[in-house]
Every structure is written in C-alpha cells, then in structure tokens.
Amino acid sequence: LPEDLALYDDLPARYAGRDSITLTSN
C-alpha cells in the first residue's frame, strides 16, 4: 500500500551500491 511503501522511501538510496536481485515482474 502507498502508506506502507512510504515508510521505507529511504531504502533505494541506502542500498544504491548493492547488487541487484532477480524477482518476478508484477
């Protein structure tokens, strides 16, 4: 949900230098 996602808006920048992972596309 948007309100739950907003709690973690800092994570993309925090882990910007980490390797990407394979997931399923929605």
mmCIF file of all heavy atoms, coordinates in Angstrom:
data_MODEL
# 
_entry.id   MODEL 
# 
loop_
_atom_site.group_PDB 
_atom_site.id 
_atom_site.type_symbol 
_atom_site.label_atom_id 
_atom_site.label_alt_id 
_atom_site.label_comp_id 
_atom_site.label_asym_id 
_atom_site.label_entity_id 
_atom_site.label_seq_id 
_atom_site.pdbx_PDB_ins_code 
_atom_site.Cartn_x 
_atom_site.Cartn_y 
_atom_site.Cartn_z 
_atom_site.occupancy 
_atom_site.B_iso_or_equiv 
_atom_site.pdbx_formal_charge 
_atom_site.auth_seq_id 
_atom_site.auth_comp_id 
_atom_site.auth_asym_id 
_atom_site.auth_atom_id 
_atom_site.pdbx_PDB_model_num 
ATOM 1   N N   . LEU A 1 1  ? 0.837  -1.184  0.000   1.00 0.00 ? 1  LEU A N   1 
ATOM 2   C CA  . LEU A 1 1  ? 0.000  0.000   0.000   1.00 0.00 ? 1  LEU A CA  1 
ATOM 3   C C   . LEU A 1 1  ? 0.882  1.248   0.000   1.00 0.00 ? 1  LEU A C   1 
ATOM 4   O O   . LEU A 1 1  ? 1.988  1.239   0.570   1.00 0.00 ? 1  LEU A O   1 
ATOM 5   C CB  . LEU A 1 1  ? -0.900 0.014   1.227   1.00 0.00 ? 1  LEU A CB  1 
ATOM 6   C CG  . LEU A 1 1  ? -1.908 -1.141  1.355   1.00 0.00 ? 1  LEU A CG  1 
ATOM 7   C CD1 . LEU A 1 1  ? -2.639 -1.044  2.687   1.00 0.00 ? 1  LEU A CD1 1 
ATOM 8   C CD2 . LEU A 1 1  ? -2.884 -1.142  0.190   1.00 0.00 ? 1  LEU A CD2 1 
ATOM 9   N N   . PRO A 1 2  ? 0.419  2.335   -0.616  1.00 0.00 ? 2  PRO A N   1 
ATOM 10  C CA  . PRO A 1 2  ? 1.246  3.549   -0.675  1.00 0.00 ? 2  PRO A CA  1 
ATOM 11  C C   . PRO A 1 2  ? 1.728  4.011   0.693   1.00 0.00 ? 2  PRO A C   1 
ATOM 12  O O   . PRO A 1 2  ? 2.893  4.418   0.844   1.00 0.00 ? 2  PRO A O   1 
ATOM 13  C CB  . PRO A 1 2  ? 0.306  4.575   -1.324  1.00 0.00 ? 2  PRO A CB  1 
ATOM 14  C CG  . PRO A 1 2  ? -0.629 3.760   -2.153  1.00 0.00 ? 2  PRO A CG  1 
ATOM 15  C CD  . PRO A 1 2  ? -0.837 2.492   -1.369  1.00 0.00 ? 2  PRO A CD  1 
ATOM 16  N N   . GLU A 1 3  ? 0.845  3.955   1.703   1.00 0.00 ? 3  GLU A N   1 
ATOM 17  C CA  . GLU A 1 3  ? 1.244  4.430   3.027   1.00 0.00 ? 3  GLU A CA  1 
ATOM 18  C C   . GLU A 1 3  ? 2.307  3.533   3.672   1.00 0.00 ? 3  GLU A C   1 
ATOM 19  O O   . GLU A 1 3  ? 3.124  4.001   4.475   1.00 0.00 ? 3  GLU A O   1 
ATOM 20  C CB  . GLU A 1 3  ? 0.030  4.558   3.954   1.00 0.00 ? 3  GLU A CB  1 
ATOM 21  C CG  . GLU A 1 3  ? -0.771 3.285   4.144   1.00 0.00 ? 3  GLU A CG  1 
ATOM 22  C CD  . GLU A 1 3  ? -1.927 3.136   3.170   1.00 0.00 ? 3  GLU A CD  1 
ATOM 23  O OE1 . GLU A 1 3  ? -1.790 3.586   2.005   1.00 0.00 ? 3  GLU A OE1 1 
ATOM 24  O OE2 . GLU A 1 3  ? -2.955 2.553   3.564   1.00 0.00 ? 3  GLU A OE2 1 
ATOM 25  N N   . ASP A 1 4  ? 2.306  2.257   3.334   1.00 0.00 ? 4  ASP A N   1 
ATOM 26  C CA  . ASP A 1 4  ? 3.335  1.357   3.853   1.00 0.00 ? 4  ASP A CA  1 
ATOM 27  C C   . ASP A 1 4  ? 4.644  1.517   3.096   1.00 0.00 ? 4  ASP A C   1 
ATOM 28  O O   . ASP A 1 4  ? 5.730  1.493   3.691   1.00 0.00 ? 4  ASP A O   1 
ATOM 29  C CB  . ASP A 1 4  ? 2.844  -0.087  3.794   1.00 0.00 ? 4  ASP A CB  1 
ATOM 30  C CG  . ASP A 1 4  ? 1.658  -0.342  4.702   1.00 0.00 ? 4  ASP A CG  1 
ATOM 31  O OD1 . ASP A 1 4  ? 1.549  0.350   5.736   1.00 0.00 ? 4  ASP A OD1 1 
ATOM 32  O OD2 . ASP A 1 4  ? 0.844  -1.226  4.384   1.00 0.00 ? 4  ASP A OD2 1 
ATOM 33  N N   . LEU A 1 5  ? 4.556  1.676   1.795   1.00 0.00 ? 5  LEU A N   1 
ATOM 34  C CA  . LEU A 1 5  ? 5.764  1.906   0.987   1.00 0.00 ? 5  LEU A CA  1 
ATOM 35  C C   . LEU A 1 5  ? 6.479  3.184   1.431   1.00 0.00 ? 5  LEU A C   1 
ATOM 36  O O   . LEU A 1 5  ? 7.710  3.238   1.482   1.00 0.00 ? 5  LEU A O   1 
ATOM 37  C CB  . LEU A 1 5  ? 5.395  2.002   -0.488  1.00 0.00 ? 5  LEU A CB  1 
ATOM 38  C CG  . LEU A 1 5  ? 4.917  0.714   -1.158  1.00 0.00 ? 5  LEU A CG  1 
ATOM 39  C CD1 . LEU A 1 5  ? 4.283  1.022   -2.506  1.00 0.00 ? 5  LEU A CD1 1 
ATOM 40  C CD2 . LEU A 1 5  ? 6.070  -0.264  -1.335  1.00 0.00 ? 5  LEU A CD2 1 
ATOM 41  N N   . ALA A 1 6  ? 5.697  4.206   1.775   1.00 0.00 ? 6  ALA A N   1 
ATOM 42  C CA  . ALA A 1 6  ? 6.287  5.490   2.136   1.00 0.00 ? 6  ALA A CA  1 
ATOM 43  C C   . ALA A 1 6  ? 7.173  5.401   3.372   1.00 0.00 ? 6  ALA A C   1 
ATOM 44  O O   . ALA A 1 6  ? 8.098  6.208   3.544   1.00 0.00 ? 6  ALA A O   1 
ATOM 45  C CB  . ALA A 1 6  ? 5.177  6.525   2.361   1.00 0.00 ? 6  ALA A CB  1 
ATOM 46  N N   . LEU A 1 7  ? 6.931  4.415   4.232   1.00 0.00 ? 7  LEU A N   1 
ATOM 47  C CA  . LEU A 1 7  ? 7.746  4.253   5.434   1.00 0.00 ? 7  LEU A CA  1 
ATOM 48  C C   . LEU A 1 7  ? 9.187  3.896   5.100   1.00 0.00 ? 7  LEU A C   1 
ATOM 49  O O   . LEU A 1 7  ? 10.083 4.069   5.935   1.00 0.00 ? 7  LEU A O   1 
ATOM 50  C CB  . LEU A 1 7  ? 7.141  3.166   6.327   1.00 0.00 ? 7  LEU A CB  1 
ATOM 51  C CG  . LEU A 1 7  ? 5.736  3.426   6.879   1.00 0.00 ? 7  LEU A CG  1 
ATOM 52  C CD1 . LEU A 1 7  ? 5.203  2.176   7.566   1.00 0.00 ? 7  LEU A CD1 1 
ATOM 53  C CD2 . LEU A 1 7  ? 5.751  4.601   7.850   1.00 0.00 ? 7  LEU A CD2 1 
ATOM 54  N N   . TYR A 1 8  ? 9.410  3.402   3.892   1.00 0.00 ? 8  TYR A N   1 
ATOM 55  C CA  . TYR A 1 8  ? 10.728 2.888   3.523   1.00 0.00 ? 8  TYR A CA  1 
ATOM 56  C C   . TYR A 1 8  ? 11.278 3.585   2.282   1.00 0.00 ? 8  TYR A C   1 
ATOM 57  O O   . TYR A 1 8  ? 12.056 3.012   1.518   1.00 0.00 ? 8  TYR A O   1 
ATOM 58  C CB  . TYR A 1 8  ? 10.635 1.371   3.310   1.00 0.00 ? 8  TYR A CB  1 
ATOM 59  C CG  . TYR A 1 8  ? 10.034 0.672   4.508   1.00 0.00 ? 8  TYR A CG  1 
ATOM 60  C CD1 . TYR A 1 8  ? 8.717  0.225   4.494   1.00 0.00 ? 8  TYR A CD1 1 
ATOM 61  C CD2 . TYR A 1 8  ? 10.781 0.520   5.682   1.00 0.00 ? 8  TYR A CD2 1 
ATOM 62  C CE1 . TYR A 1 8  ? 8.156  -0.377  5.605   1.00 0.00 ? 8  TYR A CE1 1 
ATOM 63  C CE2 . TYR A 1 8  ? 10.224 -0.081  6.799   1.00 0.00 ? 8  TYR A CE2 1 
ATOM 64  C CZ  . TYR A 1 8  ? 8.909  -0.530  6.762   1.00 0.00 ? 8  TYR A CZ  1 
ATOM 65  O OH  . TYR A 1 8  ? 8.357  -1.107  7.873   1.00 0.00 ? 8  TYR A OH  1 
ATOM 66  N N   . ASP A 1 9  ? 10.896 4.842   2.102   1.00 0.00 ? 9  ASP A N   1 
ATOM 67  C CA  . ASP A 1 9  ? 11.360 5.589   0.937   1.00 0.00 ? 9  ASP A CA  1 
ATOM 68  C C   . ASP A 1 9  ? 12.871 5.815   0.945   1.00 0.00 ? 9  ASP A C   1 
ATOM 69  O O   . ASP A 1 9  ? 13.456 6.136   -0.095  1.00 0.00 ? 9  ASP A O   1 
ATOM 70  C CB  . ASP A 1 9  ? 10.646 6.946   0.860   1.00 0.00 ? 9  ASP A CB  1 
ATOM 71  C CG  . ASP A 1 9  ? 9.230  6.830   0.317   1.00 0.00 ? 9  ASP A CG  1 
ATOM 72  O OD1 . ASP A 1 9  ? 8.910  5.781   -0.275  1.00 0.00 ? 9  ASP A OD1 1 
ATOM 73  O OD2 . ASP A 1 9  ? 8.447  7.793   0.494   1.00 0.00 ? 9  ASP A OD2 1 
ATOM 74  N N   . ASP A 1 10 ? 13.505 5.643   2.097   1.00 0.00 ? 10 ASP A N   1 
ATOM 75  C CA  . ASP A 1 10 ? 14.952 5.857   2.176   1.00 0.00 ? 10 ASP A CA  1 
ATOM 76  C C   . ASP A 1 10 ? 15.762 4.662   1.691   1.00 0.00 ? 10 ASP A C   1 
ATOM 77  O O   . ASP A 1 10 ? 16.969 4.782   1.439   1.00 0.00 ? 10 ASP A O   1 
ATOM 78  C CB  . ASP A 1 10 ? 15.358 6.169   3.620   1.00 0.00 ? 10 ASP A CB  1 
ATOM 79  C CG  . ASP A 1 10 ? 15.082 4.998   4.560   1.00 0.00 ? 10 ASP A CG  1 
ATOM 80  O OD1 . ASP A 1 10 ? 13.967 4.415   4.467   1.00 0.00 ? 10 ASP A OD1 1 
ATOM 81  O OD2 . ASP A 1 10 ? 15.966 4.649   5.372   1.00 0.00 ? 10 ASP A OD2 1 
ATOM 82  N N   . LEU A 1 11 ? 15.140 3.507   1.527   1.00 0.00 ? 11 LEU A N   1 
ATOM 83  C CA  . LEU A 1 11 ? 15.909 2.292   1.230   1.00 0.00 ? 11 LEU A CA  1 
ATOM 84  C C   . LEU A 1 11 ? 16.557 2.297   -0.150  1.00 0.00 ? 11 LEU A C   1 
ATOM 85  O O   . LEU A 1 11 ? 17.700 1.826   -0.277  1.00 0.00 ? 11 LEU A O   1 
ATOM 86  C CB  . LEU A 1 11 ? 15.024 1.053   1.406   1.00 0.00 ? 11 LEU A CB  1 
ATOM 87  C CG  . LEU A 1 11 ? 14.534 0.774   2.832   1.00 0.00 ? 11 LEU A CG  1 
ATOM 88  C CD1 . LEU A 1 11 ? 13.823 -0.568  2.892   1.00 0.00 ? 11 LEU A CD1 1 
ATOM 89  C CD2 . LEU A 1 11 ? 15.682 0.806   3.829   1.00 0.00 ? 11 LEU A CD2 1 
ATOM 90  N N   . PRO A 1 12 ? 15.905 2.762   -1.216  1.00 0.00 ? 12 PRO A N   1 
ATOM 91  C CA  . PRO A 1 12 ? 16.589 2.753   -2.519  1.00 0.00 ? 12 PRO A CA  1 
ATOM 92  C C   . PRO A 1 12 ? 17.924 3.491   -2.493  1.00 0.00 ? 12 PRO A C   1 
ATOM 93  O O   . PRO A 1 12 ? 18.919 3.005   -3.054  1.00 0.00 ? 12 PRO A O   1 
ATOM 94  C CB  . PRO A 1 12 ? 15.576 3.436   -3.439  1.00 0.00 ? 12 PRO A CB  1 
ATOM 95  C CG  . PRO A 1 12 ? 14.251 3.083   -2.845  1.00 0.00 ? 12 PRO A CG  1 
ATOM 96  C CD  . PRO A 1 12 ? 14.482 3.161   -1.367  1.00 0.00 ? 12 PRO A CD  1 
ATOM 97  N N   . ALA A 1 13 ? 17.982 4.634   -1.816  1.00 0.00 ? 13 ALA A N   1 
ATOM 98  C CA  . ALA A 1 13 ? 19.247 5.372   -1.742  1.00 0.00 ? 13 ALA A CA  1 
ATOM 99  C C   . ALA A 1 13 ? 20.239 4.671   -0.823  1.00 0.00 ? 13 ALA A C   1 
ATOM 100 O O   . ALA A 1 13 ? 21.442 4.627   -1.093  1.00 0.00 ? 13 ALA A O   1 
ATOM 101 C CB  . ALA A 1 13 ? 18.986 6.801   -1.260  1.00 0.00 ? 13 ALA A CB  1 
ATOM 102 N N   . ARG A 1 14 ? 19.732 4.087   0.284   1.00 0.00 ? 14 ARG A N   1 
ATOM 103 C CA  . ARG A 1 14 ? 20.632 3.445   1.249   1.00 0.00 ? 14 ARG A CA  1 
ATOM 104 C C   . ARG A 1 14 ? 21.379 2.270   0.628   1.00 0.00 ? 14 ARG A C   1 
ATOM 105 O O   . ARG A 1 14 ? 22.546 2.027   0.931   1.00 0.00 ? 14 ARG A O   1 
ATOM 106 C CB  . ARG A 1 14 ? 19.850 2.973   2.468   1.00 0.00 ? 14 ARG A CB  1 
ATOM 107 C CG  . ARG A 1 14 ? 20.735 2.383   3.555   1.00 0.00 ? 14 ARG A CG  1 
ATOM 108 C CD  . ARG A 1 14 ? 19.943 1.710   4.654   1.00 0.00 ? 14 ARG A CD  1 
ATOM 109 N NE  . ARG A 1 14 ? 18.960 2.575   5.287   1.00 0.00 ? 14 ARG A NE  1 
ATOM 110 C CZ  . ARG A 1 14 ? 18.166 2.169   6.276   1.00 0.00 ? 14 ARG A CZ  1 
ATOM 111 N NH1 . ARG A 1 14 ? 18.244 0.921   6.719   1.00 0.00 ? 14 ARG A NH1 1 
ATOM 112 N NH2 . ARG A 1 14 ? 17.285 2.997   6.798   1.00 0.00 ? 14 ARG A NH2 1 
ATOM 113 N N   . TYR A 1 15 ? 20.712 1.527   -0.252  1.00 0.00 ? 15 TYR A N   1 
ATOM 114 C CA  . TYR A 1 15 ? 21.328 0.344   -0.832  1.00 0.00 ? 15 TYR A CA  1 
ATOM 115 C C   . TYR A 1 15 ? 21.664 0.538   -2.312  1.00 0.00 ? 15 TYR A C   1 
ATOM 116 O O   . TYR A 1 15 ? 21.756 -0.426  -3.069  1.00 0.00 ? 15 TYR A O   1 
ATOM 117 C CB  . TYR A 1 15 ? 20.388 -0.851  -0.671  1.00 0.00 ? 15 TYR A CB  1 
ATOM 118 C CG  . TYR A 1 15 ? 20.148 -1.228  0.771   1.00 0.00 ? 15 TYR A CG  1 
ATOM 119 C CD1 . TYR A 1 15 ? 18.930 -0.969  1.390   1.00 0.00 ? 15 TYR A CD1 1 
ATOM 120 C CD2 . TYR A 1 15 ? 21.163 -1.809  1.534   1.00 0.00 ? 15 TYR A CD2 1 
ATOM 121 C CE1 . TYR A 1 15 ? 18.718 -1.294  2.724   1.00 0.00 ? 15 TYR A CE1 1 
ATOM 122 C CE2 . TYR A 1 15 ? 20.969 -2.130  2.863   1.00 0.00 ? 15 TYR A CE2 1 
ATOM 123 C CZ  . TYR A 1 15 ? 19.738 -1.872  3.455   1.00 0.00 ? 15 TYR A CZ  1 
ATOM 124 O OH  . TYR A 1 15 ? 19.543 -2.194  4.769   1.00 0.00 ? 15 TYR A OH  1 
ATOM 125 N N   . ALA A 1 16 ? 21.897 1.776   -2.700  1.00 0.00 ? 16 ALA A N   1 
ATOM 126 C CA  . ALA A 1 16 ? 22.139 2.080   -4.114  1.00 0.00 ? 16 ALA A CA  1 
ATOM 127 C C   . ALA A 1 16 ? 23.382 1.381   -4.651  1.00 0.00 ? 16 ALA A C   1 
ATOM 128 O O   . ALA A 1 16 ? 23.455 1.069   -5.837  1.00 0.00 ? 16 ALA A O   1 
ATOM 129 C CB  . ALA A 1 16 ? 22.253 3.591   -4.304  1.00 0.00 ? 16 ALA A CB  1 
ATOM 130 N N   . GLY A 1 17 ? 24.350 1.113   -3.811  1.00 0.00 ? 17 GLY A N   1 
ATOM 131 C CA  . GLY A 1 17 ? 25.583 0.497   -4.285  1.00 0.00 ? 17 GLY A CA  1 
ATOM 132 C C   . GLY A 1 17 ? 25.585 -1.018  -4.267  1.00 0.00 ? 17 GLY A C   1 
ATOM 133 O O   . GLY A 1 17 ? 26.585 -1.642  -4.643  1.00 0.00 ? 17 GLY A O   1 
ATOM 134 N N   . ARG A 1 18 ? 24.494 -1.633  -3.846  1.00 0.00 ? 18 ARG A N   1 
ATOM 135 C CA  . ARG A 1 18 ? 24.436 -3.085  -3.721  1.00 0.00 ? 18 ARG A CA  1 
ATOM 136 C C   . ARG A 1 18 ? 24.027 -3.722  -5.043  1.00 0.00 ? 18 ARG A C   1 
ATOM 137 O O   . ARG A 1 18 ? 23.404 -3.109  -5.914  1.00 0.00 ? 18 ARG A O   1 
ATOM 138 C CB  . ARG A 1 18 ? 23.431 -3.469  -2.629  1.00 0.00 ? 18 ARG A CB  1 
ATOM 139 C CG  . ARG A 1 18 ? 23.784 -2.936  -1.257  1.00 0.00 ? 18 ARG A CG  1 
ATOM 140 C CD  . ARG A 1 18 ? 24.965 -3.675  -0.642  1.00 0.00 ? 18 ARG A CD  1 
ATOM 141 N NE  . ARG A 1 18 ? 24.610 -5.027  -0.297  1.00 0.00 ? 18 ARG A NE  1 
ATOM 142 C CZ  . ARG A 1 18 ? 24.199 -5.397  0.926   1.00 0.00 ? 18 ARG A CZ  1 
ATOM 143 N NH1 . ARG A 1 18 ? 24.100 -4.499  1.888   1.00 0.00 ? 18 ARG A NH1 1 
ATOM 144 N NH2 . ARG A 1 18 ? 23.890 -6.647  1.178   1.00 0.00 ? 18 ARG A NH2 1 
ATOM 145 N N   . ASP A 1 19 ? 24.363 -5.014  -5.180  1.00 0.00 ? 19 ASP A N   1 
ATOM 146 C CA  . ASP A 1 19 ? 23.989 -5.754  -6.383  1.00 0.00 ? 19 ASP A CA  1 
ATOM 147 C C   . ASP A 1 19 ? 22.474 -5.861  -6.489  1.00 0.00 ? 19 ASP A C   1 
ATOM 148 O O   . ASP A 1 19 ? 21.765 -5.962  -5.482  1.00 0.00 ? 19 ASP A O   1 
ATOM 149 C CB  . ASP A 1 19 ? 24.589 -7.159  -6.349  1.00 0.00 ? 19 ASP A CB  1 
ATOM 150 C CG  . ASP A 1 19 ? 26.105 -7.147  -6.492  1.00 0.00 ? 19 ASP A CG  1 
ATOM 151 O OD1 . ASP A 1 19 ? 26.635 -6.142  -7.006  1.00 0.00 ? 19 ASP A OD1 1 
ATOM 152 O OD2 . ASP A 1 19 ? 26.746 -8.136  -6.094  1.00 0.00 ? 19 ASP A OD2 1 
ATOM 153 N N   . SER A 1 20 ? 21.973 -5.878  -7.709  1.00 0.00 ? 20 SER A N   1 
ATOM 154 C CA  . SER A 1 20 ? 20.547 -6.093  -7.928  1.00 0.00 ? 20 SER A CA  1 
ATOM 155 C C   . SER A 1 20 ? 20.221 -7.570  -7.716  1.00 0.00 ? 20 SER A C   1 
ATOM 156 O O   . SER A 1 20 ? 21.100 -8.421  -7.676  1.00 0.00 ? 20 SER A O   1 
ATOM 157 C CB  . SER A 1 20 ? 20.155 -5.645  -9.332  1.00 0.00 ? 20 SER A CB  1 
ATOM 158 O OG  . SER A 1 20 ? 20.868 -6.383  -10.302 1.00 0.00 ? 20 SER A OG  1 
ATOM 159 N N   . ILE A 1 21 ? 18.931 -7.869  -7.583  1.00 0.00 ? 21 ILE A N   1 
ATOM 160 C CA  . ILE A 1 21 ? 18.494 -9.249  -7.363  1.00 0.00 ? 21 ILE A CA  1 
ATOM 161 C C   . ILE A 1 21 ? 17.427 -9.603  -8.386  1.00 0.00 ? 21 ILE A C   1 
ATOM 162 O O   . ILE A 1 21 ? 16.797 -8.727  -8.991  1.00 0.00 ? 21 ILE A O   1 
ATOM 163 C CB  . ILE A 1 21 ? 17.961 -9.449  -5.930  1.00 0.00 ? 21 ILE A CB  1 
ATOM 164 C CG1 . ILE A 1 21 ? 16.768 -8.518  -5.649  1.00 0.00 ? 21 ILE A CG1 1 
ATOM 165 C CG2 . ILE A 1 21 ? 19.060 -9.224  -4.909  1.00 0.00 ? 21 ILE A CG2 1 
ATOM 166 C CD1 . ILE A 1 21 ? 16.131 -8.740  -4.296  1.00 0.00 ? 21 ILE A CD1 1 
ATOM 167 N N   . THR A 1 22 ? 17.217 -10.898 -8.576  1.00 0.00 ? 22 THR A N   1 
ATOM 168 C CA  . THR A 1 22 ? 16.208 -11.369 -9.516  1.00 0.00 ? 22 THR A CA  1 
ATOM 169 C C   . THR A 1 22 ? 14.898 -11.646 -8.785  1.00 0.00 ? 22 THR A C   1 
ATOM 170 O O   . THR A 1 22 ? 14.872 -12.402 -7.815  1.00 0.00 ? 22 THR A O   1 
ATOM 171 C CB  . THR A 1 22 ? 16.675 -12.640 -10.239 1.00 0.00 ? 22 THR A CB  1 
ATOM 172 O OG1 . THR A 1 22 ? 17.873 -12.349 -10.974 1.00 0.00 ? 22 THR A OG1 1 
ATOM 173 C CG2 . THR A 1 22 ? 15.606 -13.131 -11.215 1.00 0.00 ? 22 THR A CG2 1 
ATOM 174 N N   . LEU A 1 23 ? 13.836 -11.019 -9.269  1.00 0.00 ? 23 LEU A N   1 
ATOM 175 C CA  . LEU A 1 23 ? 12.494 -11.211 -8.719  1.00 0.00 ? 23 LEU A CA  1 
ATOM 176 C C   . LEU A 1 23 ? 11.526 -11.419 -9.878  1.00 0.00 ? 23 LEU A C   1 
ATOM 177 O O   . LEU A 1 23 ? 11.920 -11.380 -11.045 1.00 0.00 ? 23 LEU A O   1 
ATOM 178 C CB  . LEU A 1 23 ? 12.064 -9.987  -7.897  1.00 0.00 ? 23 LEU A CB  1 
ATOM 179 C CG  . LEU A 1 23 ? 12.901 -9.613  -6.677  1.00 0.00 ? 23 LEU A CG  1 
ATOM 180 C CD1 . LEU A 1 23 ? 12.434 -8.291  -6.111  1.00 0.00 ? 23 LEU A CD1 1 
ATOM 181 C CD2 . LEU A 1 23 ? 12.810 -10.701 -5.618  1.00 0.00 ? 23 LEU A CD2 1 
ATOM 182 N N   . THR A 1 24 ? 10.270 -11.618 -9.552  1.00 0.00 ? 24 THR A N   1 
ATOM 183 C CA  . THR A 1 24 ? 9.235  -11.744 -10.575 1.00 0.00 ? 24 THR A CA  1 
ATOM 184 C C   . THR A 1 24 ? 8.635  -10.371 -10.873 1.00 0.00 ? 24 THR A C   1 
ATOM 185 O O   . THR A 1 24 ? 8.358  -9.600  -9.952  1.00 0.00 ? 24 THR A O   1 
ATOM 186 C CB  . THR A 1 24 ? 8.132  -12.695 -10.098 1.00 0.00 ? 24 THR A CB  1 
ATOM 187 O OG1 . THR A 1 24 ? 8.701  -13.971 -9.837  1.00 0.00 ? 24 THR A OG1 1 
ATOM 188 C CG2 . THR A 1 24 ? 7.044  -12.836 -11.157 1.00 0.00 ? 24 THR A CG2 1 
ATOM 189 N N   . SER A 1 25 ? 8.411  -10.102 -12.122 1.00 0.00 ? 25 SER A N   1 
ATOM 190 C CA  . SER A 1 25 ? 7.756  -8.860  -12.519 1.00 0.00 ? 25 SER A CA  1 
ATOM 191 C C   . SER A 1 25 ? 6.257  -8.961  -12.257 1.00 0.00 ? 25 SER A C   1 
ATOM 192 O O   . SER A 1 25 ? 5.606  -9.934  -12.666 1.00 0.00 ? 25 SER A O   1 
ATOM 193 C CB  . SER A 1 25 ? 8.001  -8.582  -14.004 1.00 0.00 ? 25 SER A CB  1 
ATOM 194 O OG  . SER A 1 25 ? 7.132  -7.579  -14.473 1.00 0.00 ? 25 SER A OG  1 
ATOM 195 N N   . ASN A 1 26 ? 5.703  -7.956  -11.592 1.00 0.00 ? 26 ASN A N   1 
ATOM 196 C CA  . ASN A 1 26 ? 4.261  -7.911  -11.387 1.00 0.00 ? 26 ASN A CA  1 
ATOM 197 C C   . ASN A 1 26 ? 3.508  -7.676  -12.691 1.00 0.00 ? 26 ASN A C   1 
ATOM 198 O O   . ASN A 1 26 ? 2.312  -7.961  -12.779 1.00 0.00 ? 26 ASN A O   1 
ATOM 199 C CB  . ASN A 1 26 ? 3.892  -6.804  -10.392 1.00 0.00 ? 26 ASN A CB  1 
ATOM 200 C CG  . ASN A 1 26 ? 3.944  -7.262  -8.953  1.00 0.00 ? 26 ASN A CG  1 
ATOM 201 O OD1 . ASN A 1 26 ? 3.252  -8.197  -8.563  1.00 0.00 ? 26 ASN A OD1 1 
ATOM 202 N ND2 . ASN A 1 26 ? 4.780  -6.620  -8.149  1.00 0.00 ? 26 ASN A ND2 1 
# 
